C-alpha atoms as a PDB file:
ATOM      1  CA  UNK A   1     131.817  94.446 141.068  1.00  0.00           C
ATOM      2  CA  UNK A   2     128.801  93.162 139.126  1.00  0.00           C
ATOM      3  CA  UNK A   3     126.898  95.400 137.505  1.00  0.00           C
ATOM      4  CA  UNK A   4     123.057  94.967 138.016  1.00  0.00           C
ATOM      5  CA  UNK A   5     122.321  94.872 134.150  1.00  0.00           C
ATOM      6  CA  UNK A   6     125.020  91.965 133.741  1.00  0.00           C
ATOM      7  CA  UNK A   7     122.793  89.353 135.543  1.00  0.00           C
ATOM      8  CA  UNK A   8     120.341  89.676 132.345  1.00  0.00           C
ATOM      9  CA  UNK A   9     123.033  88.489 130.019  1.00  0.00           C
ATOM     10  CA  UNK A  10     122.086  84.972 130.282  1.00  0.00           C
ATOM     11  CA  UNK A  11     118.973  85.917 128.359  1.00  0.00           C
ATOM     12  CA  UNK A  12     120.739  87.729 125.411  1.00  0.00           C
ATOM     13  CA  UNK A  13     120.215  84.245 123.509  1.00  0.00           C
ATOM     14  CA  UNK A  14     119.149  84.703 119.506  1.00  0.00           C
ATOM     15  CA  UNK A  15     116.115  82.299 120.320  1.00  0.00           C
ATOM     16  CA  UNK A  16     115.102  84.623 123.010  1.00  0.00           C
ATOM     17  CA  UNK A  17     115.843  88.120 121.284  1.00  0.00           C
ATOM     18  CA  UNK A  18     114.163  87.166 118.259  1.00  0.00           C
ATOM     19  CA  UNK A  19     111.153  86.649 120.180  1.00  0.00           C
ATOM     20  CA  UNK A  20     111.377  89.533 122.972  1.00  0.00           C
ATOM     21  CA  UNK A  21     112.451  92.478 120.459  1.00  0.00           C
ATOM     22  CA  UNK A  22     110.801  93.741 117.390  1.00  0.00           C
ATOM     23  CA  UNK A  23     112.656  96.601 116.301  1.00  0.00           C
ATOM     24  CA  UNK A  24     111.990  99.052 113.678  1.00  0.00           C
ATOM     25  CA  UNK A  25     112.164 102.546 112.600  1.00  0.00           C
ATOM     26  CA  UNK A  26     110.051 105.668 113.257  1.00  0.00           C
ATOM     27  CA  UNK A  27     108.205 105.900 110.212  1.00  0.00           C
ATOM     28  CA  UNK A  28     105.611 108.568 111.521  1.00  0.00           C
ATOM     29  CA  UNK A  29     108.123 111.682 111.379  1.00  0.00           C
ATOM     30  CA  UNK A  30     106.142 113.527 113.689  1.00  0.00           C
ATOM     31  CA  UNK A  31     107.450 117.395 113.629  1.00  0.00           C
ATOM     32  CA  UNK A  32     108.740 119.051 116.630  1.00  0.00           C
ATOM     33  CA  UNK A  33     106.499 121.736 118.115  1.00  0.00           C
ATOM     34  CA  UNK A  34     105.997 123.472 120.969  1.00  0.00           C
ATOM     35  CA  UNK A  35     103.869 120.375 122.438  1.00  0.00           C
ATOM     36  CA  UNK A  36     106.447 117.514 121.077  1.00  0.00           C
ATOM     37  CA  UNK A  37     110.259 117.618 121.412  1.00  0.00           C
ATOM     38  CA  UNK A  38     112.801 114.958 120.237  1.00  0.00           C
ATOM     39  CA  UNK A  39     115.912 114.069 121.890  1.00  0.00           C
ATOM     40  CA  UNK A  40     118.941 111.503 121.412  1.00  0.00           C
ATOM     41  CA  UNK A  41     120.359 110.683 124.499  1.00  0.00           C
ATOM     42  CA  UNK A  42     123.973 108.891 124.634  1.00  0.00           C
ATOM     43  CA  UNK A  43     124.162 105.448 126.148  1.00  0.00           C
ATOM     44  CA  UNK A  44     127.611 104.435 125.549  1.00  0.00           C
ATOM     45  CA  UNK A  45     130.305 105.692 123.161  1.00  0.00           C
ATOM     46  CA  UNK A  46     128.900 105.971 119.102  1.00  0.00           C
ATOM     47  CA  UNK A  47     125.081 104.812 120.446  1.00  0.00           C
ATOM     48  CA  UNK A  48     122.167 107.082 121.419  1.00  0.00           C
ATOM     49  CA  UNK A  49     118.745 106.320 122.222  1.00  0.00           C
ATOM     50  CA  UNK A  50     115.571 108.519 120.574  1.00  0.00           C
ATOM     51  CA  UNK A  51     112.966 109.923 122.727  1.00  0.00           C
ATOM     52  CA  UNK A  52     109.885 111.687 122.318  1.00  0.00           C
ATOM     53  CA  UNK A  53     108.773 114.268 124.950  1.00  0.00           C
ATOM     54  CA  UNK A  54     105.280 115.079 124.669  1.00  0.00           C
ATOM     55  CA  UNK A  55     104.596 118.292 126.461  1.00  0.00           C
ATOM     56  CA  UNK A  56     101.223 119.391 128.362  1.00  0.00           C
ATOM     57  CA  UNK A  57     102.390 122.051 130.617  1.00  0.00           C
ATOM     58  CA  UNK A  58     105.551 123.438 132.070  1.00  0.00           C
ATOM     59  CA  UNK A  59     104.773 123.018 135.686  1.00  0.00           C
ATOM     60  CA  UNK A  60     103.269 119.354 135.143  1.00  0.00           C
ATOM     61  CA  UNK A  61     104.484 116.286 136.602  1.00  0.00           C
ATOM     62  CA  UNK A  62     107.053 114.617 134.165  1.00  0.00           C
ATOM     63  CA  UNK A  63     106.640 110.500 133.299  1.00  0.00           C
ATOM     64  CA  UNK A  64     109.502 108.883 132.004  1.00  0.00           C
ATOM     65  CA  UNK A  65     107.837 106.056 129.815  1.00  0.00           C
ATOM     66  CA  UNK A  66     109.303 102.762 128.448  1.00  0.00           C
ATOM     67  CA  UNK A  67     107.146 101.308 125.712  1.00  0.00           C
ATOM     68  CA  UNK A  68     106.625  97.842 124.718  1.00  0.00           C
ATOM     69  CA  UNK A  69     108.513  95.352 122.384  1.00  0.00           C
ATOM     70  CA  UNK A  70     106.336  96.327 119.417  1.00  0.00           C
ATOM     71  CA  UNK A  71     106.194 100.199 119.496  1.00  0.00           C
ATOM     72  CA  UNK A  72     108.326 103.161 119.046  1.00  0.00           C
ATOM     73  CA  UNK A  73     108.090 106.355 121.163  1.00  0.00           C
ATOM     74  CA  UNK A  74     107.390 108.325 117.989  1.00  0.00           C
ATOM     75  CA  UNK A  75     104.022 106.763 117.656  1.00  0.00           C
ATOM     76  CA  UNK A  76     102.792 108.066 121.121  1.00  0.00           C
ATOM     77  CA  UNK A  77     101.407 111.354 119.859  1.00  0.00           C
ATOM     78  CA  UNK A  78      97.937 110.531 120.614  1.00  0.00           C
ATOM     79  CA  UNK A  79      98.635 108.792 123.798  1.00  0.00           C
ATOM     80  CA  UNK A  80     100.744 111.603 124.711  1.00  0.00           C
ATOM     81  CA  UNK A  81      97.728 113.886 124.304  1.00  0.00           C
ATOM     82  CA  UNK A  82      95.528 112.067 126.604  1.00  0.00           C
ATOM     83  CA  UNK A  83      98.243 112.131 129.175  1.00  0.00           C
ATOM     84  CA  UNK A  84      98.760 115.656 128.763  1.00  0.00           C
ATOM     85  CA  UNK A  85      94.982 116.099 129.383  1.00  0.00           C
ATOM     86  CA  UNK A  86      95.242 114.690 132.980  1.00  0.00           C
ATOM     87  CA  UNK A  87      98.211 117.110 133.578  1.00  0.00           C
ATOM     88  CA  UNK A  88     101.340 115.050 133.054  1.00  0.00           C
ATOM     89  CA  UNK A  89     104.335 115.445 130.686  1.00  0.00           C
ATOM     90  CA  UNK A  90     104.991 112.213 128.876  1.00  0.00           C
ATOM     91  CA  UNK A  91     108.606 111.204 127.907  1.00  0.00           C
ATOM     92  CA  UNK A  92     108.818 108.211 126.087  1.00  0.00           C
ATOM     93  CA  UNK A  93     112.183 106.411 125.402  1.00  0.00           C
ATOM     94  CA  UNK A  94     112.848 103.841 122.603  1.00  0.00           C
ATOM     95  CA  UNK A  95     115.654 100.891 122.890  1.00  0.00           C
ATOM     96  CA  UNK A  96     118.330 100.182 120.635  1.00  0.00           C
ATOM     97  CA  UNK A  97     117.282  99.344 117.195  1.00  0.00           C
ATOM     98  CA  UNK A  98     113.910 100.992 117.677  1.00  0.00           C
ATOM     99  CA  UNK A  99     113.072 104.597 116.367  1.00  0.00           C
ATOM    100  CA  UNK A 100     116.228 106.316 115.096  1.00  0.00           C
ATOM    101  CA  UNK A 101     118.037 104.801 117.984  1.00  0.00           C
ATOM    102  CA  UNK A 102     121.469 103.016 117.234  1.00  0.00           C
ATOM    103  CA  UNK A 103     122.884  99.458 117.816  1.00  0.00           C
ATOM    104  CA  UNK A 104     120.771  96.302 118.339  1.00  0.00           C
ATOM    105  CA  UNK A 105     118.470  95.347 121.306  1.00  0.00           C
ATOM    106  CA  UNK A 106     119.511  92.826 123.543  1.00  0.00           C
ATOM    107  CA  UNK A 107     117.945  92.206 127.299  1.00  0.00           C
ATOM    108  CA  UNK A 108     121.154  93.396 129.129  1.00  0.00           C
ATOM    109  CA  UNK A 109     121.689  96.517 126.964  1.00  0.00           C
ATOM    110  CA  UNK A 110     117.952  97.687 127.546  1.00  0.00           C
ATOM    111  CA  UNK A 111     118.625  97.336 131.469  1.00  0.00           C
ATOM    112  CA  UNK A 112     121.985  99.081 131.330  1.00  0.00           C
ATOM    113  CA  UNK A 113     120.665 101.649 128.949  1.00  0.00           C
ATOM    114  CA  UNK A 114     117.782 102.459 131.501  1.00  0.00           C
ATOM    115  CA  UNK A 115     120.498 104.454 133.663  1.00  0.00           C
ATOM    116  CA  UNK A 116     121.826 106.945 131.254  1.00  0.00           C
ATOM    117  CA  UNK A 117     118.295 107.249 130.169  1.00  0.00           C
ATOM    118  CA  UNK A 118     117.549 108.507 133.569  1.00  0.00           C
ATOM    119  CA  UNK A 119     120.204 111.011 133.839  1.00  0.00           C
ATOM    120  CA  UNK A 120     119.503 112.046 130.128  1.00  0.00           C
ATOM    121  CA  UNK A 121     115.989 112.676 131.226  1.00  0.00           C
ATOM    122  CA  UNK A 122     116.725 114.638 134.169  1.00  0.00           C
ATOM    123  CA  UNK A 123     119.258 116.598 132.284  1.00  0.00           C
ATOM    124  CA  UNK A 124     116.599 117.484 129.815  1.00  0.00           C
ATOM    125  CA  UNK A 125     114.379 118.451 132.499  1.00  0.00           C
ATOM    126  CA  UNK A 126     116.772 121.023 134.044  1.00  0.00           C
ATOM    127  CA  UNK A 127     118.101 122.741 130.494  1.00  0.00           C
ATOM    128  CA  UNK A 128     114.714 122.914 129.086  1.00  0.00           C
ATOM    129  CA  UNK A 129     112.942 124.238 132.497  1.00  0.00           C
ATOM    130  CA  UNK A 130     110.444 121.456 133.391  1.00  0.00           C
ATOM    131  CA  UNK A 131     110.649 121.606 137.473  1.00  0.00           C
ATOM    132  CA  UNK A 132     107.620 119.197 137.713  1.00  0.00           C
ATOM    133  CA  UNK A 133     107.955 115.930 139.840  1.00  0.00           C
ATOM    134  CA  UNK A 134     109.058 112.938 138.287  1.00  0.00           C
ATOM    135  CA  UNK A 135     107.326 109.343 138.131  1.00  0.00           C
ATOM    136  CA  UNK A 136     108.161 106.303 136.241  1.00  0.00           C
ATOM    137  CA  UNK A 137     106.257 104.065 134.305  1.00  0.00           C
ATOM    138  CA  UNK A 138     106.853 100.758 131.937  1.00  0.00           C
ATOM    139  CA  UNK A 139     104.312  99.023 129.672  1.00  0.00           C
ATOM    140  CA  UNK A 140     104.707  95.500 128.976  1.00  0.00           C
ATOM    141  CA  UNK A 141     108.629  94.569 128.180  1.00  0.00           C
ATOM    142  CA  UNK A 142     109.126  98.450 129.327  1.00  0.00           C
ATOM    143  CA  UNK A 143     108.155  97.305 133.002  1.00  0.00           C
ATOM    144  CA  UNK A 144     111.819  95.669 133.274  1.00  0.00           C
ATOM    145  CA  UNK A 145     113.218  98.843 132.621  1.00  0.00           C
ATOM    146  CA  UNK A 146     111.054 100.893 134.941  1.00  0.00           C
ATOM    147  CA  UNK A 147     111.466  97.999 137.729  1.00  0.00           C
ATOM    148  CA  UNK A 148     115.049  98.494 137.240  1.00  0.00           C
ATOM    149  CA  UNK A 149     115.189 102.154 138.087  1.00  0.00           C
ATOM    150  CA  UNK A 150     112.630 102.149 140.503  1.00  0.00           C
ATOM    151  CA  UNK A 151     114.353  99.707 142.693  1.00  0.00           C
ATOM    152  CA  UNK A 152     117.598 101.665 142.366  1.00  0.00           C
ATOM    153  CA  UNK A 153     116.805 105.329 142.592  1.00  0.00           C
ATOM    154  CA  UNK A 154     113.621 105.529 145.110  1.00  0.00           C
ATOM    155  CA  UNK A 155     114.624 109.288 145.487  1.00  0.00           C
ATOM    156  CA  UNK A 156     114.648 110.340 141.668  1.00  0.00           C
ATOM    157  CA  UNK A 157     111.062 109.362 141.412  1.00  0.00           C
ATOM    158  CA  UNK A 158     107.489 109.990 143.300  1.00  0.00           C
ATOM    159  CA  UNK A 159     105.858 106.786 142.109  1.00  0.00           C
ATOM    160  CA  UNK A 160     106.048 103.891 139.967  1.00  0.00           C
ATOM    161  CA  UNK A 161     103.592 102.855 137.469  1.00  0.00           C
ATOM    162  CA  UNK A 162     103.699  99.596 135.745  1.00  0.00           C
ATOM    163  CA  UNK A 163     101.254  98.332 132.728  1.00  0.00           C
ATOM    164  CA  UNK A 164     100.616  94.828 131.101  1.00  0.00           C
ATOM    165  CA  UNK A 165     103.894  94.064 133.362  1.00  0.00           C
ATOM    166  CA  UNK A 166     106.117  91.134 134.422  1.00  0.00           C
ATOM    167  CA  UNK A 167     108.763  90.548 136.723  1.00  0.00           C
ATOM    168  CA  UNK A 168     109.188  86.901 136.596  1.00  0.00           C
ATOM    169  CA  UNK A 169     111.198  85.892 133.560  1.00  0.00           C
ATOM    170  CA  UNK A 170     111.111  82.345 134.124  1.00  0.00           C
ATOM    171  CA  UNK A 171     107.238  81.878 134.452  1.00  0.00           C
ATOM    172  CA  UNK A 172     106.778  84.478 131.401  1.00  0.00           C
ATOM    173  CA  UNK A 173     109.031  82.104 129.126  1.00  0.00           C
ATOM    174  CA  UNK A 174     107.324  79.034 130.202  1.00  0.00           C
ATOM    175  CA  UNK A 175     103.881  80.604 129.357  1.00  0.00           C
ATOM    176  CA  UNK A 176     105.067  81.799 125.875  1.00  0.00           C
ATOM    177  CA  UNK A 177     106.346  78.077 124.754  1.00  0.00           C
ATOM    178  CA  UNK A 178     110.032  78.713 125.192  1.00  0.00           C
ATOM    179  CA  UNK A 179     111.677  75.720 126.993  1.00  0.00           C
ATOM    180  CA  UNK A 180     114.920  75.785 128.496  1.00  0.00           C
ATOM    181  CA  UNK A 181     116.233  73.118 126.073  1.00  0.00           C
ATOM    182  CA  UNK A 182     115.381  75.279 123.058  1.00  0.00           C
ATOM    183  CA  UNK A 183     117.458  78.187 124.193  1.00  0.00           C
ATOM    184  CA  UNK A 184     120.379  76.025 125.634  1.00  0.00           C
ATOM    185  CA  UNK A 185     120.109  77.665 128.712  1.00  0.00           C
ATOM    186  CA  UNK A 186     120.568  75.389 131.681  1.00  0.00           C
ATOM    187  CA  UNK A 187     119.436  77.844 134.339  1.00  0.00           C
ATOM    188  CA  UNK A 188     117.091  80.713 134.111  1.00  0.00           C
ATOM    189  CA  UNK A 189     117.288  83.617 136.935  1.00  0.00           C
ATOM    190  CA  UNK A 190     114.498  85.907 137.693  1.00  0.00           C
ATOM    191  CA  UNK A 191     116.223  89.074 138.840  1.00  0.00           C
ATOM    192  CA  UNK A 192     113.033  91.176 138.218  1.00  0.00           C
ATOM    193  CA  UNK A 193     111.567  89.443 141.469  1.00  0.00           C
ATOM    194  CA  UNK A 194     114.804  90.558 143.873  1.00  0.00           C
ATOM    195  CA  UNK A 195     114.075  94.119 142.365  1.00  0.00           C
ATOM    196  CA  UNK A 196     110.183  94.191 142.715  1.00  0.00           C
ATOM    197  CA  UNK A 197     110.962  93.106 146.479  1.00  0.00           C
ATOM    198  CA  UNK A 198     113.332  96.359 147.106  1.00  0.00           C
ATOM    199  CA  UNK A 199     110.953  98.769 145.666  1.00  0.00           C
ATOM    200  CA  UNK A 200     109.609 101.385 148.298  1.00  0.00           C
ATOM    201  CA  UNK A 201     107.894 103.774 146.039  1.00  0.00           C
ATOM    202  CA  UNK A 202     104.188 104.144 146.065  1.00  0.00           C
ATOM    203  CA  UNK A 203     103.154 101.737 142.961  1.00  0.00           C
ATOM    204  CA  UNK A 204     100.117 101.632 140.514  1.00  0.00           C
ATOM    205  CA  UNK A 205      99.772  98.264 138.953  1.00  0.00           C
ATOM    206  CA  UNK A 206      97.334  98.415 135.668  1.00  0.00           C
ATOM    207  CA  UNK A 207      96.787  95.085 133.924  1.00  0.00           C
ATOM    208  CA  UNK A 208      94.047  93.682 131.274  1.00  0.00           C
ATOM    209  CA  UNK A 209      91.633  91.343 132.619  1.00  0.00           C
ATOM    210  CA  UNK A 210      92.014  88.981 129.359  1.00  0.00           C
ATOM    211  CA  UNK A 211      95.749  89.733 128.740  1.00  0.00           C
ATOM    212  CA  UNK A 212      96.685  86.800 126.367  1.00  0.00           C
ATOM    213  CA  UNK A 213     100.239  88.027 126.166  1.00  0.00           C
ATOM    214  CA  UNK A 214     101.450  88.621 129.700  1.00  0.00           C
ATOM    215  CA  UNK A 215      98.697  86.758 131.703  1.00  0.00           C
ATOM    216  CA  UNK A 216      96.805  88.846 134.371  1.00  0.00           C
ATOM    217  CA  UNK A 217      98.786  86.746 136.831  1.00  0.00           C
ATOM    218  CA  UNK A 218     101.884  88.511 136.295  1.00  0.00           C
ATOM    219  CA  UNK A 219     100.841  91.622 137.056  1.00  0.00           C
ATOM    220  CA  UNK A 220      99.247  90.375 140.261  1.00  0.00           C
ATOM    221  CA  UNK A 221     102.401  88.718 140.853  1.00  0.00           C
ATOM    222  CA  UNK A 222     104.243  92.137 140.895  1.00  0.00           C
ATOM    223  CA  UNK A 223     101.387  93.296 143.161  1.00  0.00           C
ATOM    224  CA  UNK A 224     102.101  90.682 145.752  1.00  0.00           C
ATOM    225  CA  UNK A 225     105.756  90.776 145.847  1.00  0.00           C
ATOM    226  CA  UNK A 226     106.152  94.852 145.566  1.00  0.00           C
ATOM    227  CA  UNK A 227     108.000  96.083 148.687  1.00  0.00           C
ATOM    228  CA  UNK A 228     106.091  99.480 148.581  1.00  0.00           C
ATOM    229  CA  UNK A 229     103.444  99.881 151.513  1.00  0.00           C
ATOM    230  CA  UNK A 230     101.246 102.079 149.242  1.00  0.00           C
ATOM    231  CA  UNK A 231     100.410 100.003 146.393  1.00  0.00           C
ATOM    232  CA  UNK A 232      97.186  99.901 144.204  1.00  0.00           C
ATOM    233  CA  UNK A 233      96.107  97.083 141.687  1.00  0.00           C
ATOM    234  CA  UNK A 234      93.773  97.867 138.594  1.00  0.00           C
ATOM    235  CA  UNK A 235      92.356  95.197 136.707  1.00  0.00           C
ATOM    236  CA  UNK A 236      90.949  96.700 133.333  1.00  0.00           C
ATOM    237  CA  UNK A 237      87.654  94.748 132.489  1.00  0.00           C
ATOM    238  CA  UNK A 238      87.421  93.485 128.604  1.00  0.00           C
ATOM    239  CA  UNK A 239      90.983  94.198 127.891  1.00  0.00           C
ATOM    240  CA  UNK A 240      93.600  92.522 126.072  1.00  0.00           C
ATOM    241  CA  UNK A 241      97.444  93.209 125.971  1.00  0.00           C
ATOM    242  CA  UNK A 242      97.084  95.567 123.276  1.00  0.00           C
ATOM    243  CA  UNK A 243      93.284  96.759 123.629  1.00  0.00           C
ATOM    244  CA  UNK A 244      93.737  97.961 127.203  1.00  0.00           C
ATOM    245  CA  UNK A 245      94.036 101.687 126.832  1.00  0.00           C
ATOM    246  CA  UNK A 246      91.242 101.676 123.766  1.00  0.00           C
ATOM    247  CA  UNK A 247      88.853  99.506 125.618  1.00  0.00           C
ATOM    248  CA  UNK A 248      89.693 100.693 129.350  1.00  0.00           C
ATOM    249  CA  UNK A 249      90.657 104.191 128.494  1.00  0.00           C
ATOM    250  CA  UNK A 250      88.439 106.140 130.797  1.00  0.00           C
ATOM    251  CA  UNK A 251      89.038 103.943 133.917  1.00  0.00           C
ATOM    252  CA  UNK A 252      93.068 103.701 132.852  1.00  0.00           C
ATOM    253  CA  UNK A 253      93.184 107.252 132.785  1.00  0.00           C
ATOM    254  CA  UNK A 254      91.274 108.308 135.864  1.00  0.00           C
ATOM    255  CA  UNK A 255      93.387 105.694 137.883  1.00  0.00           C
ATOM    256  CA  UNK A 256      96.390 107.185 136.563  1.00  0.00           C
ATOM    257  CA  UNK A 257      95.081 110.662 137.255  1.00  0.00           C
ATOM    258  CA  UNK A 258      94.412 109.743 140.790  1.00  0.00           C
ATOM    259  CA  UNK A 259      97.541 108.315 141.683  1.00  0.00           C
ATOM    260  CA  UNK A 260      99.946 111.111 140.158  1.00  0.00           C
ATOM    261  CA  UNK A 261      97.572 113.619 141.983  1.00  0.00           C
ATOM    262  CA  UNK A 262      97.955 111.817 145.327  1.00  0.00           C
ATOM    263  CA  UNK A 263     102.022 112.255 145.331  1.00  0.00           C
ATOM    264  CA  UNK A 264     103.047 114.815 143.030  1.00  0.00           C
END
């Protein structure tokens, strides 16, 4: 039987990978404390993924978070505090080659790794004594991992949050100027569309109105195709891809807090 992540191998092309991933180490070196914990979750023999757990309260809902392609989990301390203020614990996961993670990133490995990362997340919550409900969130590139898990494990989460996300690989490649001829691909599949349609979890879609990297229409496409009966689309005015949190933080956090409180 074909594994779900194998559909994404078609995108493991050097011309695409050099554009999609910007791996770097964790230069912040934030020390662990009673509010921050560091973890390394094995995803296959010899390779583990680095994660940071930003803690607001032991009884809080817990958010499994997949970040964007130019970010690392270790730089989310300030944002983690904002999430903590609205009553959420933030568990941010890296990708291969990011932070202190081993290996090199590919699209198929990113999707494949999301499954053991979920199991590692659950194990850590259980062993460290965090009994709160679970939510899942993906920002930008991380939306692919979040959509994968939300479509496969609806009983594991109370809700899904997608910020600056996409589900149609074909359209996104065309918009960023990468042609099929450049990559040597004869066909491009959009497995994200199939996964979005299967999602039944309550969903919150956040997107900047003037996103120049992942256009607003991509967030609108997720909203249109997602199978959730309870879904909310929030457009942050004046926000671009990398300013959405800074420009729209008050609205962003209010919508997130309202969504989580509705389902926790």
